[in-house]
């Protein structure tokens, strides 16, 4: 069988000859020769092709012109064609810019949880501003499509773009962990939020919303498991790379026999026989909040809540109290409501009531309700309140340290361990009547009874015991966390066998010791030689990828409640999911690429 010969033109590098412009009325645009008369193009720069086109279609063109006149004619036609090309290019650039502006505004609207219909308001503002500052550009601003329908389409496309970028990142994950939380929105739909934290070979960590699964029926362990499985499948995340699952500790998530975690563990074992045991963590912030239950402050909480409700829940009382605060130029301008679901609420309420106790007493005396709150005149009760103010302040300080995104589990647990040590100190100081760390209690004018001192010291000891009882999930991996966070001081005898020799090499390398002390932990492990420290790098990846809390889920639920509120209760789940992804994502959409899409460039207004 004969082999087809390769065309000679395929291997030639032809260049447009400038003589062809005058001879055949052709010019070069891009990689093609374009006829200046009929604007047809010829792909190959070849004299014969151009000559044949001119002789067959324009043989009588400019036959009466001299050579100089033909050259001028060709130059004029080429100039006109170039002007047309520039105009077309400029129009395309303007259209792309207008479309890009539409995407940018849509992204801002979703990022800041604004209604889609606000796009029209934004456009009106831009047009009016342009009319004042740059009247010549007003028409371009008028072309920007920002109607509710357009913003909706833009948000959908941006959501798809962010999800696509996340999938690309997920393909490079060496390991990943997920954080889960389930809550009900204003429409009664159970929404399961799934966040992923993944790490690649270069120790680059990505923390993003993996998905929001809307559950219309029951929310049993099997239902949650199915939702998680679907979400992982859609994003091509293999079970073998799943390292840890962090939840808020609810029974349907943590059930030993039928809960989500048990099913996930069984799935990982079935799919990956050689995989390591899954790490299950109970959100460290939730555990810290639950420890407050041992504080014996019910007598104070009950009165404080009743007092705040009496003043704030009645319009007349509230107005009069605010007026009193203004007249007395009080430091604070109002009382705060207590909410059980807010981590810092009780401490702030206690502190505000303590700061305004004089104004509160004056107000109650004015309205004749002093007898309804005799506790405000009770020295014992005020002492308990002062103790509660100081104790809850310390707990709130710890809570704030545990909040935030992109925080490593070893950092969170070290804060908890430090607080446990502080509780021992607090209890000892209280017993010896040292109020250095309890300024409110120490500032009381009347002496504190010994019975109160003993009770407060006992309460702090009970709080320490509760902190020691909880956080068992973190205690199980404490050694592994310390190995990653403190490799220079970690005893190699206590390290896993496969990391012992590598750990000794690190501890004896002066250069690595200096680098660890001067660079962030994640950069230090990323810089280690893969050939010399493969096991310790793998171990570091496993610990650094852990979610220590479900803070990202809690924060996202706040965004969800802000978006799907009474006035936007009909917001469909797919659009709600898109808004949450855009609001929480650290990925910047490729607006230029989106603007160049042909199917999006000419959307209707």
Protein backbone atom coordinates (compact mmCIF):
# COMPACT_ATOMS: atom_id res chain seq x y z
CA UNK A 1 0.00 0.00 0.00
CA UNK A 2 1.41 3.34 -1.03
CA UNK A 3 2.03 5.95 1.66
CA UNK A 4 0.40 9.33 1.04
CA UNK A 5 2.94 12.02 0.41
CA UNK A 6 3.02 14.98 2.74
CA UNK A 7 1.98 18.17 0.99
CA UNK A 8 4.91 20.47 0.43
CA UNK A 9 2.93 23.47 1.66
CA UNK A 10 2.50 21.82 5.06
CA UNK A 11 6.21 22.06 5.68
CA UNK A 12 6.74 25.47 4.09
CA UNK A 13 6.87 28.71 6.03
CA UNK A 14 5.38 31.14 3.52
CA UNK A 15 5.58 34.91 4.03
CA UNK A 16 3.24 37.49 2.50
CA UNK A 17 4.92 39.43 -0.33
CA UNK A 18 4.21 43.16 -0.15
CA UNK A 19 4.15 43.34 -4.00
CA UNK A 20 0.94 41.31 -3.99
CA UNK A 21 -0.94 44.29 -2.51
CA UNK A 22 -0.48 46.37 -5.69
CA UNK A 23 -0.38 43.44 -8.11
CA UNK A 24 -3.40 41.44 -6.89
CA UNK A 25 -5.08 43.81 -4.36
CA UNK A 26 -4.40 41.55 -1.36
CA UNK A 27 -3.22 42.32 2.17
CA UNK A 28 -2.22 40.16 5.12
CA UNK A 29 -4.46 39.96 8.19
CA UNK A 30 -3.40 37.49 10.84
CA UNK A 31 -2.28 34.32 9.09
CA UNK A 32 -4.44 34.84 5.98
CA UNK A 33 -4.33 36.85 2.75
CA UNK A 34 -7.47 38.96 2.41
CA UNK A 35 -8.75 40.40 -0.88
CA UNK A 36 -9.15 44.19 -0.66
CA UNK A 37 -11.97 44.10 -3.22
CA UNK A 38 -14.31 41.29 -2.06
CA UNK A 39 -12.78 40.61 1.38
CA UNK A 40 -12.46 36.90 0.73
CA UNK A 41 -9.51 35.22 2.44
CA UNK A 42 -6.96 32.72 1.22
CA UNK A 43 -5.23 30.57 3.78
CA UNK A 44 -1.94 29.94 1.94
CA UNK A 45 0.47 32.72 1.01
CA UNK A 46 1.16 31.59 -2.57
CA UNK A 47 1.49 33.73 -5.69
CA UNK A 48 -0.50 31.29 -7.82
CA UNK A 49 -3.49 31.25 -5.45
CA UNK A 50 -3.72 35.03 -5.26
CA UNK A 51 -3.19 35.42 -9.00
CA UNK A 52 -5.91 32.90 -9.81
CA UNK A 53 -8.38 34.63 -7.45
CA UNK A 54 -7.71 38.05 -8.99
CA UNK A 55 -7.83 36.89 -12.61
CA UNK A 56 -11.00 34.83 -12.15
CA UNK A 57 -13.02 37.32 -10.08
CA UNK A 58 -11.57 40.79 -10.60
CA UNK A 59 -9.82 40.62 -13.98
CA UNK A 60 -11.32 43.93 -15.15
CA UNK A 61 -10.70 45.80 -11.89
CA UNK A 62 -8.56 48.95 -12.27
CA UNK A 63 -7.44 48.00 -15.77
CA UNK A 64 -7.40 51.65 -16.83
CA UNK A 65 -5.25 52.82 -13.92
CA UNK A 66 -1.52 53.39 -14.12
CA UNK A 67 0.87 51.55 -11.84
CA UNK A 68 1.08 54.52 -9.45
CA UNK A 69 -2.72 54.92 -9.40
CA UNK A 70 -3.15 51.18 -8.73
CA UNK A 71 -0.71 51.44 -5.84
CA UNK A 72 -2.63 54.40 -4.38
CA UNK A 73 -5.93 52.58 -4.89
CA UNK A 74 -4.62 49.46 -3.13
CA UNK A 75 -3.22 51.56 -0.27
CA UNK A 76 -6.57 53.32 0.18
CA UNK A 77 -8.50 50.02 0.21
CA UNK A 78 -6.03 48.53 2.70
CA UNK A 79 -6.39 51.57 4.97
CA UNK A 80 -10.20 51.32 4.89
CA UNK A 81 -10.12 47.60 5.64
CA UNK A 82 -7.74 48.15 8.56
CA UNK A 83 -10.04 50.85 9.93
CA UNK A 84 -12.97 48.45 9.73
CA UNK A 85 -10.95 45.76 11.50
CA UNK A 86 -9.95 48.20 14.25
CA UNK A 87 -13.56 49.28 14.71
CA UNK A 88 -14.71 45.68 14.99
CA UNK A 89 -11.90 44.86 17.42
CA UNK A 90 -12.73 47.92 19.51
CA UNK A 91 -16.41 47.00 19.62
CA UNK A 92 -15.54 43.48 20.72
CA UNK A 93 -13.25 44.87 23.42
CA UNK A 94 -15.98 47.21 24.64
CA UNK A 95 -18.51 44.37 24.69
CA UNK A 96 -16.11 42.18 26.65
CA UNK A 97 -15.46 45.00 29.12
CA UNK A 98 -19.18 45.58 29.58
CA UNK A 99 -19.78 41.86 30.14
CA UNK A 100 -16.83 41.65 32.54
CA UNK A 101 -18.24 44.60 34.52
CA UNK A 102 -21.55 42.76 34.74
CA UNK A 103 -19.81 39.67 36.14
CA UNK A 104 -17.80 41.72 38.64
CA UNK A 105 -20.92 43.45 39.98
CA UNK A 106 -22.81 40.14 40.16
CA UNK A 107 -19.90 38.64 42.12
CA UNK A 108 -19.92 41.58 44.54
CA UNK A 109 -23.69 41.30 45.03
CA UNK A 110 -23.45 37.59 45.90
CA UNK A 111 -20.27 38.04 47.95
CA UNK A 112 -21.98 40.60 50.17
CA UNK A 113 -25.35 38.79 50.33
CA UNK A 114 -27.33 41.44 48.50
CA UNK A 115 -30.58 40.68 46.62
CA UNK A 116 -30.15 39.98 42.90
CA UNK A 117 -32.54 42.83 42.13
CA UNK A 118 -30.03 45.31 43.57
CA UNK A 119 -28.14 45.09 40.28
CA UNK A 120 -30.53 47.55 38.67
CA UNK A 121 -30.03 49.99 41.54
CA UNK A 122 -26.25 49.68 41.16
CA UNK A 123 -26.55 50.33 37.44
CA UNK A 124 -28.64 53.46 37.99
CA UNK A 125 -26.02 54.74 40.42
CA UNK A 126 -23.21 54.07 37.94
CA UNK A 127 -25.05 55.76 35.06
CA UNK A 128 -25.87 58.85 37.14
CA UNK A 129 -22.29 59.04 38.40
CA UNK A 130 -20.89 58.64 34.88
CA UNK A 131 -23.15 61.46 33.66
CA UNK A 132 -21.48 63.76 36.18
CA UNK A 133 -17.86 62.60 36.10
CA UNK A 134 -17.40 61.30 32.53
CA UNK A 135 -20.40 62.17 30.30
CA UNK A 136 -18.67 60.73 27.25
CA UNK A 137 -18.66 57.26 28.79
CA UNK A 138 -22.25 57.30 30.00
CA UNK A 139 -23.46 55.21 27.07
CA UNK A 140 -21.02 52.42 27.96
CA UNK A 141 -22.35 52.24 31.51
CA UNK A 142 -25.87 52.07 30.13
CA UNK A 143 -24.90 48.95 28.18
CA UNK A 144 -23.99 46.99 31.32
CA UNK A 145 -26.65 44.35 31.87
CA UNK A 146 -27.55 44.17 35.58
CA UNK A 147 -31.18 43.11 35.63
CA UNK A 148 -32.32 40.55 38.18
CA UNK A 149 -32.40 37.80 35.55
CA UNK A 150 -28.92 38.67 34.31
CA UNK A 151 -27.46 38.78 37.83
CA UNK A 152 -29.03 35.38 38.46
CA UNK A 153 -27.37 33.94 35.33
CA UNK A 154 -24.05 35.53 36.21
CA UNK A 155 -24.14 34.09 39.74
CA UNK A 156 -24.90 30.64 38.34
CA UNK A 157 -21.95 30.85 35.93
CA UNK A 158 -19.58 32.15 38.62
CA UNK A 159 -20.66 29.30 40.89
CA UNK A 160 -19.88 26.79 38.14
CA UNK A 161 -16.50 28.46 37.56
CA UNK A 162 -15.58 28.30 41.27
CA UNK A 163 -16.69 24.68 41.51
CA UNK A 164 -14.63 23.84 38.43
CA UNK A 165 -11.55 25.47 39.96
CA UNK A 166 -12.14 23.60 43.21
CA UNK A 167 -12.30 20.29 41.33
CA UNK A 168 -8.96 21.10 39.69
CA UNK A 169 -7.46 21.76 43.11
CA UNK A 170 -9.05 18.58 44.48
CA UNK A 171 -7.35 16.50 41.79
CA UNK A 172 -4.02 17.45 43.36
CA UNK A 173 -4.96 16.73 46.98
CA UNK A 174 -2.70 14.25 48.75
CA UNK A 175 -5.10 14.15 51.71
CA UNK A 176 -8.26 15.97 52.70
CA UNK A 177 -10.58 16.41 55.67
CA UNK A 178 -14.21 17.50 55.86
CA UNK A 179 -16.20 19.52 58.39
CA UNK A 180 -19.94 18.88 58.62
CA UNK A 181 -22.85 20.65 60.22
CA UNK A 182 -26.59 20.42 59.69
CA UNK A 183 -29.14 23.13 60.40
CA UNK A 184 -32.64 24.14 59.30
CA UNK A 185 -33.27 27.29 57.30
CA UNK A 186 -36.27 29.61 57.57
CA UNK A 187 -38.26 27.52 55.07
CA UNK A 188 -37.88 24.39 57.21
CA UNK A 189 -35.38 22.70 54.90
CA UNK A 190 -32.50 20.86 56.55
CA UNK A 191 -29.26 22.11 54.99
CA UNK A 192 -26.09 20.05 55.37
CA UNK A 193 -22.93 22.09 54.85
CA UNK A 194 -19.79 20.20 53.86
CA UNK A 195 -16.45 22.02 53.91
CA UNK A 196 -13.24 20.48 52.63
CA UNK A 197 -9.66 21.21 53.59
CA UNK A 198 -7.17 19.63 51.23
CA UNK A 199 -3.39 19.65 51.04
CA UNK A 200 -1.20 18.87 48.04
CA UNK A 201 2.40 17.68 47.70
CA UNK A 202 3.64 21.29 47.96
CA UNK A 203 1.79 21.77 51.27
CA UNK A 204 -0.64 24.23 49.70
CA UNK A 205 -3.86 24.10 51.71
CA UNK A 206 -7.28 24.83 50.21
CA UNK A 207 -10.28 25.34 52.48
CA UNK A 208 -13.53 25.68 50.54
CA UNK A 209 -17.24 24.91 50.65
CA UNK A 210 -17.52 21.50 49.02
CA UNK A 211 -21.30 21.51 48.85
CA UNK A 212 -24.62 22.35 50.43
CA UNK A 213 -26.93 19.35 50.43
CA UNK A 214 -30.63 20.16 50.92
CA UNK A 215 -32.47 17.41 52.80
CA UNK A 216 -36.23 17.52 52.36
CA UNK A 217 -37.00 14.39 54.39
CA UNK A 218 -35.43 12.86 57.48
CA UNK A 219 -31.95 13.66 58.74
CA UNK A 220 -30.90 10.29 60.12
CA UNK A 221 -27.35 9.04 59.97
CA UNK A 222 -28.05 7.12 56.75
CA UNK A 223 -29.54 10.24 55.12
CA UNK A 224 -26.51 12.33 56.03
CA UNK A 225 -24.18 9.57 54.84
CA UNK A 226 -25.92 9.45 51.46
CA UNK A 227 -25.60 13.22 51.09
CA UNK A 228 -21.91 13.16 51.95
CA UNK A 229 -21.28 10.28 49.54
CA UNK A 230 -23.03 12.13 46.71
CA UNK A 231 -21.06 15.30 47.43
CA UNK A 232 -17.70 13.52 47.47
CA UNK A 233 -18.61 11.65 44.29
CA UNK A 234 -19.59 14.83 42.43
CA UNK A 235 -16.24 16.37 43.26
CA UNK A 236 -14.19 13.26 42.43
CA UNK A 237 -12.72 12.98 45.92
CA UNK A 238 -11.56 9.40 46.66
CA UNK A 239 -12.37 7.84 50.01
CA UNK A 240 -8.78 6.69 50.41
CA UNK A 241 -7.58 10.29 50.82
CA UNK A 242 -10.13 11.14 53.52
CA UNK A 243 -8.21 11.75 56.75
CA UNK A 244 -10.60 13.30 59.23
CA UNK A 245 -14.22 14.28 59.83
CA UNK A 246 -15.15 17.10 62.21
CA UNK A 247 -18.73 17.59 63.42
CA UNK A 248 -20.66 19.49 66.08
CA UNK A 249 -21.28 16.25 67.99
CA UNK A 250 -25.01 15.82 67.34
CA UNK A 251 -26.34 12.23 67.78
CA UNK A 252 -27.27 11.71 64.12
CA UNK A 253 -23.66 12.51 63.22
CA UNK A 254 -21.81 10.65 65.96
CA UNK A 255 -24.00 7.59 66.66
CA UNK A 256 -21.81 4.55 67.34
CA UNK A 257 -24.00 2.08 65.43
CA UNK A 258 -26.03 3.98 62.83
CA UNK A 259 -24.57 7.50 62.92
CA UNK A 260 -22.81 9.16 60.02
CA UNK A 261 -19.31 8.71 61.42
CA UNK A 262 -19.74 4.94 61.86
CA UNK A 263 -20.91 4.62 58.27
CA UNK A 264 -18.03 6.74 56.99
CA UNK A 265 -15.52 4.62 58.88
CA UNK A 266 -17.00 1.42 57.45
CA UNK A 267 -16.97 2.89 53.94
CA UNK A 268 -13.31 3.86 54.16
CA UNK A 269 -12.38 0.40 55.45
CA UNK A 270 -14.31 -1.30 52.64
CA UNK A 271 -12.91 0.93 49.90
CA UNK A 272 -9.32 1.19 51.11
CA UNK A 273 -7.99 -1.81 53.02
CA UNK A 274 -4.60 -0.22 53.71
CA UNK A 275 -5.86 3.23 54.74
CA UNK A 276 -5.20 4.64 58.19
CA UNK A 277 -7.94 4.95 60.78
CA UNK A 278 -10.20 7.95 60.26
CA UNK A 279 -9.80 10.74 62.80
CA UNK A 280 -13.13 11.92 64.22
CA UNK A 281 -13.10 15.29 66.00
CA UNK A 282 -15.87 16.97 67.97
CA UNK A 283 -15.74 20.72 67.25
CA UNK A 284 -13.41 22.20 69.87
CA UNK A 285 -15.52 25.37 70.17
CA UNK A 286 -18.69 23.39 70.90
CA UNK A 287 -16.86 21.41 73.55
CA UNK A 288 -15.58 24.59 75.17
CA UNK A 289 -19.10 26.02 75.19
CA UNK A 290 -20.48 22.84 76.79
CA UNK A 291 -17.97 23.13 79.63
CA UNK A 292 -19.85 26.20 80.88
CA UNK A 293 -22.61 23.90 82.12
CA UNK A 294 -20.62 23.13 85.27
CA UNK A 295 -20.62 26.78 86.36
CA UNK A 296 -23.10 27.13 89.18
CA UNK A 297 -24.55 30.45 88.06
CA UNK A 298 -28.22 29.56 87.50
CA UNK A 299 -29.35 31.94 90.25
CA UNK A 300 -27.53 34.80 88.54
CA UNK A 301 -28.53 33.93 84.98
CA UNK A 302 -32.21 33.73 85.85
CA UNK A 303 -32.29 37.20 87.42
CA UNK A 304 -30.14 38.82 84.72
CA UNK A 305 -32.31 37.47 81.90
CA UNK A 306 -35.49 38.53 83.70
CA UNK A 307 -34.05 42.01 84.27
CA UNK A 308 -32.94 42.48 80.66
CA UNK A 309 -36.29 41.27 79.33
CA UNK A 310 -38.19 43.63 81.68
CA UNK A 311 -36.30 46.63 80.34
CA UNK A 312 -35.90 45.73 76.67
CA UNK A 313 -39.08 43.77 75.88
CA UNK A 314 -41.36 46.65 76.83
CA UNK A 315 -41.13 49.65 74.53
CA UNK A 316 -41.89 52.30 77.15
CA UNK A 317 -39.40 50.87 79.64
CA UNK A 318 -36.75 50.64 76.95
CA UNK A 319 -37.24 54.24 75.82
CA UNK A 320 -37.08 55.54 79.36
CA UNK A 321 -33.97 53.49 80.14
CA UNK A 322 -32.19 54.73 77.01
CA UNK A 323 -33.09 58.31 77.96
CA UNK A 324 -31.65 57.75 81.44
CA UNK A 325 -28.40 56.41 79.98
CA UNK A 326 -28.13 59.45 77.72
CA UNK A 327 -28.74 61.84 80.59
CA UNK A 328 -26.14 60.16 82.80
CA UNK A 329 -23.68 59.87 79.88
CA UNK A 330 -23.17 56.18 80.64
CA UNK A 331 -20.33 54.39 78.86
CA UNK A 332 -22.74 51.85 77.33
CA UNK A 333 -25.96 52.86 75.61
CA UNK A 334 -28.11 49.75 76.07
CA UNK A 335 -28.44 46.27 77.55
CA UNK A 336 -27.90 43.12 75.51
CA UNK A 337 -30.26 40.20 75.00
CA UNK A 338 -29.04 36.75 75.99
CA UNK A 339 -29.00 34.02 73.32
CA UNK A 340 -28.08 30.42 74.11
CA UNK A 341 -26.89 29.75 70.56
CA UNK A 342 -24.30 32.54 70.60
CA UNK A 343 -21.00 31.51 72.11
CA UNK A 344 -20.08 34.87 73.65
CA UNK A 345 -23.57 35.99 74.60
CA UNK A 346 -23.80 35.25 78.32
CA UNK A 347 -20.42 36.79 79.14
CA UNK A 348 -21.28 39.99 77.31
CA UNK A 349 -24.71 40.21 78.94
CA UNK A 350 -23.20 39.77 82.41
CA UNK A 351 -20.56 42.40 81.75
CA UNK A 352 -23.07 44.94 80.42
CA UNK A 353 -25.43 44.46 83.39
CA UNK A 354 -22.52 44.86 85.80
CA UNK A 355 -21.33 48.06 84.11
CA UNK A 356 -24.84 49.54 84.18
CA UNK A 357 -25.98 48.24 87.56
CA UNK A 358 -26.16 51.75 89.06
CA UNK A 359 -28.27 53.07 86.17
CA UNK A 360 -30.47 49.95 86.33
CA UNK A 361 -31.08 50.50 90.05
CA UNK A 362 -31.98 54.15 89.40
CA UNK A 363 -34.39 53.18 86.62
CA UNK A 364 -36.11 50.51 88.72
CA UNK A 365 -36.53 52.99 91.54
CA UNK A 366 -38.02 55.53 89.09
CA UNK A 367 -40.63 53.09 87.75
CA UNK A 368 -41.31 51.65 91.21
CA UNK A 369 -40.06 48.14 90.46
CA UNK A 370 -37.19 47.91 92.92
CA UNK A 371 -39.01 45.27 94.96
CA UNK A 372 -39.30 43.04 91.88
CA UNK A 373 -35.50 42.71 91.75
CA UNK A 374 -34.29 42.56 95.37
CA UNK A 375 -31.15 40.76 94.20
CA UNK A 376 -29.65 44.08 93.10
CA UNK A 377 -29.46 45.03 96.77
CA UNK A 378 -28.21 41.61 97.85
CA UNK A 379 -24.45 41.57 98.51
CA UNK A 380 -24.25 37.80 98.09
CA UNK A 381 -25.96 37.91 94.70
CA UNK A 382 -23.78 40.79 93.49
CA UNK A 383 -20.71 38.82 94.53
CA UNK A 384 -21.89 35.87 92.45
CA UNK A 385 -22.50 38.22 89.52
CA UNK A 386 -18.98 39.65 89.83
CA UNK A 387 -17.52 36.14 89.86
CA UNK A 388 -19.60 35.27 86.79
CA UNK A 389 -18.42 38.41 84.95
CA UNK A 390 -14.74 37.54 85.44
CA UNK A 391 -15.08 33.81 84.80
CA UNK A 392 -17.11 34.24 81.62
CA UNK A 393 -14.65 36.87 80.42
CA UNK A 394 -11.85 34.31 80.60
CA UNK A 395 -14.02 31.74 78.79
CA UNK A 396 -14.90 34.26 76.10
CA UNK A 397 -11.23 35.09 75.60
CA UNK A 398 -10.56 31.39 75.03
CA UNK A 399 -13.54 31.13 72.68
CA UNK A 400 -12.22 33.99 70.55
CA UNK A 401 -8.85 32.26 70.26
CA UNK A 402 -10.59 29.13 68.98
CA UNK A 403 -12.49 30.96 66.26
CA UNK A 404 -11.28 31.69 62.76
CA UNK A 405 -10.53 30.02 59.45
CA UNK A 406 -7.30 28.35 58.36
CA UNK A 407 -6.35 27.51 61.96
CA UNK A 408 -4.44 24.29 62.61
CA UNK A 409 -5.73 21.72 65.11
CA UNK A 410 -2.52 21.81 67.18
CA UNK A 411 -2.91 25.57 67.65
CA UNK A 412 -6.49 25.18 68.89
CA UNK A 413 -5.64 22.37 71.28
CA UNK A 414 -2.66 24.25 72.70
CA UNK A 415 -5.03 27.10 73.63
CA UNK A 416 -7.28 24.64 75.47
CA UNK A 417 -4.36 23.09 77.34
CA UNK A 418 -3.14 26.54 78.32
CA UNK A 419 -6.58 27.42 79.66
CA UNK A 420 -6.67 24.24 81.75
CA UNK A 421 -3.40 25.30 83.37
CA UNK A 422 -4.85 28.76 83.98
CA UNK A 423 -7.85 27.25 85.75
CA UNK A 424 -5.54 25.56 88.25
CA UNK A 425 -3.88 28.92 88.85
CA UNK A 426 -7.24 30.70 89.17
CA UNK A 427 -8.51 28.20 91.74
CA UNK A 428 -5.36 28.49 93.83
CA UNK A 429 -5.41 32.29 93.68
CA UNK A 430 -9.08 32.47 94.68
CA UNK A 431 -8.41 30.21 97.66
CA UNK A 432 -5.70 32.59 98.85
CA UNK A 433 -7.88 35.66 98.13
CA UNK A 434 -5.64 36.80 95.31
CA UNK A 435 -7.91 38.50 92.77
CA UNK A 436 -5.25 39.60 90.27
CA UNK A 437 -7.08 37.78 87.45
CA UNK A 438 -10.57 38.54 88.78
CA UNK A 439 -10.64 42.36 88.86
CA UNK A 440 -14.44 42.63 89.10
CA UNK A 441 -14.55 40.34 92.11
CA UNK A 442 -11.54 42.04 93.67
CA UNK A 443 -13.10 45.48 93.19
CA UNK A 444 -16.08 44.82 95.44
CA UNK A 445 -16.38 47.28 98.29
CA UNK A 446 -17.61 44.73 100.83
CA UNK A 447 -15.45 41.79 102.00
CA UNK A 448 -16.13 38.42 100.39
CA UNK A 449 -17.32 35.65 102.70
CA UNK A 450 -15.14 32.60 103.13
CA UNK A 451 -18.01 30.37 102.01
CA UNK A 452 -18.06 32.22 98.69
CA UNK A 453 -14.30 31.87 98.31
CA UNK A 454 -14.50 28.12 98.86
CA UNK A 455 -17.43 27.78 96.45
CA UNK A 456 -15.70 29.79 93.70
CA UNK A 457 -12.49 27.81 94.10
CA UNK A 458 -14.48 24.58 93.92
CA UNK A 459 -16.34 25.80 90.82
CA UNK A 460 -13.06 26.56 89.05
CA UNK A 461 -11.79 23.10 90.01
CA UNK A 462 -14.97 21.56 88.60
CA UNK A 463 -14.48 23.56 85.41
CA UNK A 464 -10.94 22.23 85.15
CA UNK A 465 -12.24 18.68 85.63
CA UNK A 466 -14.82 19.22 82.89
CA UNK A 467 -12.15 20.48 80.51
CA UNK A 468 -10.07 17.41 81.33
CA UNK A 469 -13.05 15.11 80.75
CA UNK A 470 -13.84 16.57 77.37
CA UNK A 471 -11.51 16.94 74.37
CA UNK A 472 -10.70 13.21 74.52
CA UNK A 473 -10.68 13.10 70.73
CA UNK A 474 -7.91 15.69 70.65
CA UNK A 475 -6.09 13.95 73.50
CA UNK A 476 -5.91 10.77 71.38
CA UNK A 477 -3.87 12.54 68.73
CA UNK A 478 -2.01 14.88 71.09
CA UNK A 479 1.30 13.08 70.53
CA UNK A 480 0.93 13.28 66.76
CA UNK A 481 0.03 16.96 66.96
CA UNK A 482 3.07 17.71 69.11
CA UNK A 483 5.34 15.86 66.70
CA UNK A 484 4.29 18.26 63.94
CA UNK A 485 4.16 21.45 66.01
CA UNK A 486 7.35 20.86 68.06
CA UNK A 487 9.66 18.50 66.13
CA UNK A 488 12.84 19.97 67.64
CA UNK A 489 11.90 19.16 71.24
CA UNK A 490 9.89 16.01 70.61
CA UNK A 491 11.33 12.81 72.08
CA UNK A 492 12.15 10.52 69.15
CA UNK A 493 11.40 7.47 71.32
CA UNK A 494 7.73 8.50 71.38
CA UNK A 495 7.50 9.12 67.64
CA UNK A 496 6.02 6.57 65.22
CA UNK A 497 8.75 4.09 64.15
CA UNK A 498 8.74 5.21 60.52
CA UNK A 499 9.47 8.84 61.52
CA UNK A 500 12.05 8.31 64.30
CA UNK A 501 15.18 8.38 62.16
CA UNK A 502 13.93 11.30 60.11
CA UNK A 503 13.07 13.21 63.28
CA UNK A 504 16.59 12.70 64.64
CA UNK A 505 18.03 14.02 61.36
CA UNK A 506 15.93 17.17 61.69
CA UNK A 507 16.92 17.72 65.32
CA UNK A 508 20.61 17.38 64.46
CA UNK A 509 20.55 19.58 61.35
CA UNK A 510 21.50 23.14 62.35
CA UNK A 511 20.11 24.60 59.13
CA UNK A 512 16.72 22.93 59.56
CA UNK A 513 16.55 23.95 63.22
CA UNK A 514 17.11 27.57 62.24
CA UNK A 515 14.55 27.33 59.44
CA UNK A 516 11.89 25.89 61.77
CA UNK A 517 12.35 28.78 64.20
CA UNK A 518 12.11 31.47 61.50
CA UNK A 519 9.44 30.18 59.10
CA UNK A 520 5.78 29.15 59.49
CA UNK A 521 5.21 25.46 60.19
CA UNK A 522 3.64 24.72 56.84
CA UNK A 523 6.50 26.35 54.93
CA UNK A 524 9.03 24.41 56.97
CA UNK A 525 7.54 21.04 56.07
CA UNK A 526 7.08 22.08 52.44
CA UNK A 527 10.82 22.82 52.26
CA UNK A 528 11.91 19.40 53.51
CA UNK A 529 13.56 17.10 50.97
CA UNK A 530 11.04 14.48 49.86
CA UNK A 531 13.73 11.84 49.48
CA UNK A 532 15.16 12.35 52.97
CA UNK A 533 11.96 12.98 54.95
CA UNK A 534 9.08 11.21 53.16
CA UNK A 535 7.40 9.79 56.27
CA UNK A 536 7.52 12.88 58.45
CA UNK A 537 6.21 15.00 55.56
CA UNK A 538 3.30 12.60 55.10
CA UNK A 539 2.60 12.70 58.83
CA UNK A 540 2.69 16.51 58.80
CA UNK A 541 0.23 16.61 55.92
CA UNK A 542 -2.16 14.39 57.88
CA UNK A 543 -2.10 16.65 60.96
CA UNK A 544 -2.09 20.00 59.15
CA UNK A 545 -5.15 19.11 57.08
CA UNK A 546 -7.38 18.54 60.14
CA UNK A 547 -10.39 20.73 60.87
CA UNK A 548 -10.19 21.53 64.58
CA UNK A 549 -13.65 23.09 64.64
CA UNK A 550 -16.78 23.62 62.58
CA UNK A 551 -16.33 27.39 62.74
CA UNK A 552 -16.50 27.66 58.94
CA UNK A 553 -19.88 25.92 58.98
CA UNK A 554 -21.25 28.10 61.78
CA UNK A 555 -20.12 31.26 60.02
CA UNK A 556 -21.67 30.09 56.75
CA UNK A 557 -24.99 29.38 58.50
CA UNK A 558 -25.01 33.01 59.60
CA UNK A 559 -24.62 33.99 55.94
CA UNK A 560 -27.37 31.54 54.99
CA UNK A 561 -29.79 32.98 57.55
CA UNK A 562 -28.99 36.49 56.36
CA UNK A 563 -29.74 35.54 52.75
CA UNK A 564 -32.71 33.21 53.22
CA UNK A 565 -34.56 35.52 55.60
CA UNK A 566 -38.25 36.46 55.79
CA UNK A 567 -38.01 38.74 52.75
CA UNK A 568 -36.09 36.18 50.69
CA UNK A 569 -37.63 32.95 51.93
CA UNK A 570 -38.39 31.84 48.34
CA UNK A 571 -34.71 31.80 47.37
CA UNK A 572 -34.24 28.39 45.76
CA UNK A 573 -31.64 26.01 47.15
CA UNK A 574 -29.39 26.06 44.08
CA UNK A 575 -29.11 29.85 44.20
CA UNK A 576 -28.59 29.75 47.97
CA UNK A 577 -25.78 27.25 47.45
CA UNK A 578 -24.20 29.50 44.80
CA UNK A 579 -24.35 32.52 47.12
CA UNK A 580 -22.74 30.58 49.97
CA UNK A 581 -19.96 29.32 47.72
CA UNK A 582 -19.21 32.78 46.38
CA UNK A 583 -19.41 34.34 49.86
CA UNK A 584 -16.96 31.90 51.41
CA UNK A 585 -14.61 31.09 48.54
CA UNK A 586 -11.04 32.35 48.41
CA UNK A 587 -10.86 31.54 44.69
CA UNK A 588 -11.05 34.56 42.40
CA UNK A 589 -13.17 33.86 39.29
CA UNK A 590 -11.56 34.38 35.89
CA UNK A 591 -13.70 37.35 34.87
CA UNK A 592 -11.80 37.87 31.61
CA UNK A 593 -12.41 34.28 30.56
CA UNK A 594 -16.09 34.48 31.52
CA UNK A 595 -16.52 37.72 29.58
CA UNK A 596 -15.08 36.14 26.41
CA UNK A 597 -17.57 33.28 26.43
CA UNK A 598 -19.71 33.53 23.34
CA UNK A 599 -22.84 32.27 25.08
CA UNK A 600 -22.60 35.01 27.72
CA UNK A 601 -21.42 38.03 25.77
CA UNK A 602 -24.80 39.08 24.45
CA UNK A 603 -27.24 38.26 27.23
CA UNK A 604 -30.51 40.15 27.21
CA UNK A 605 -31.07 42.85 29.74
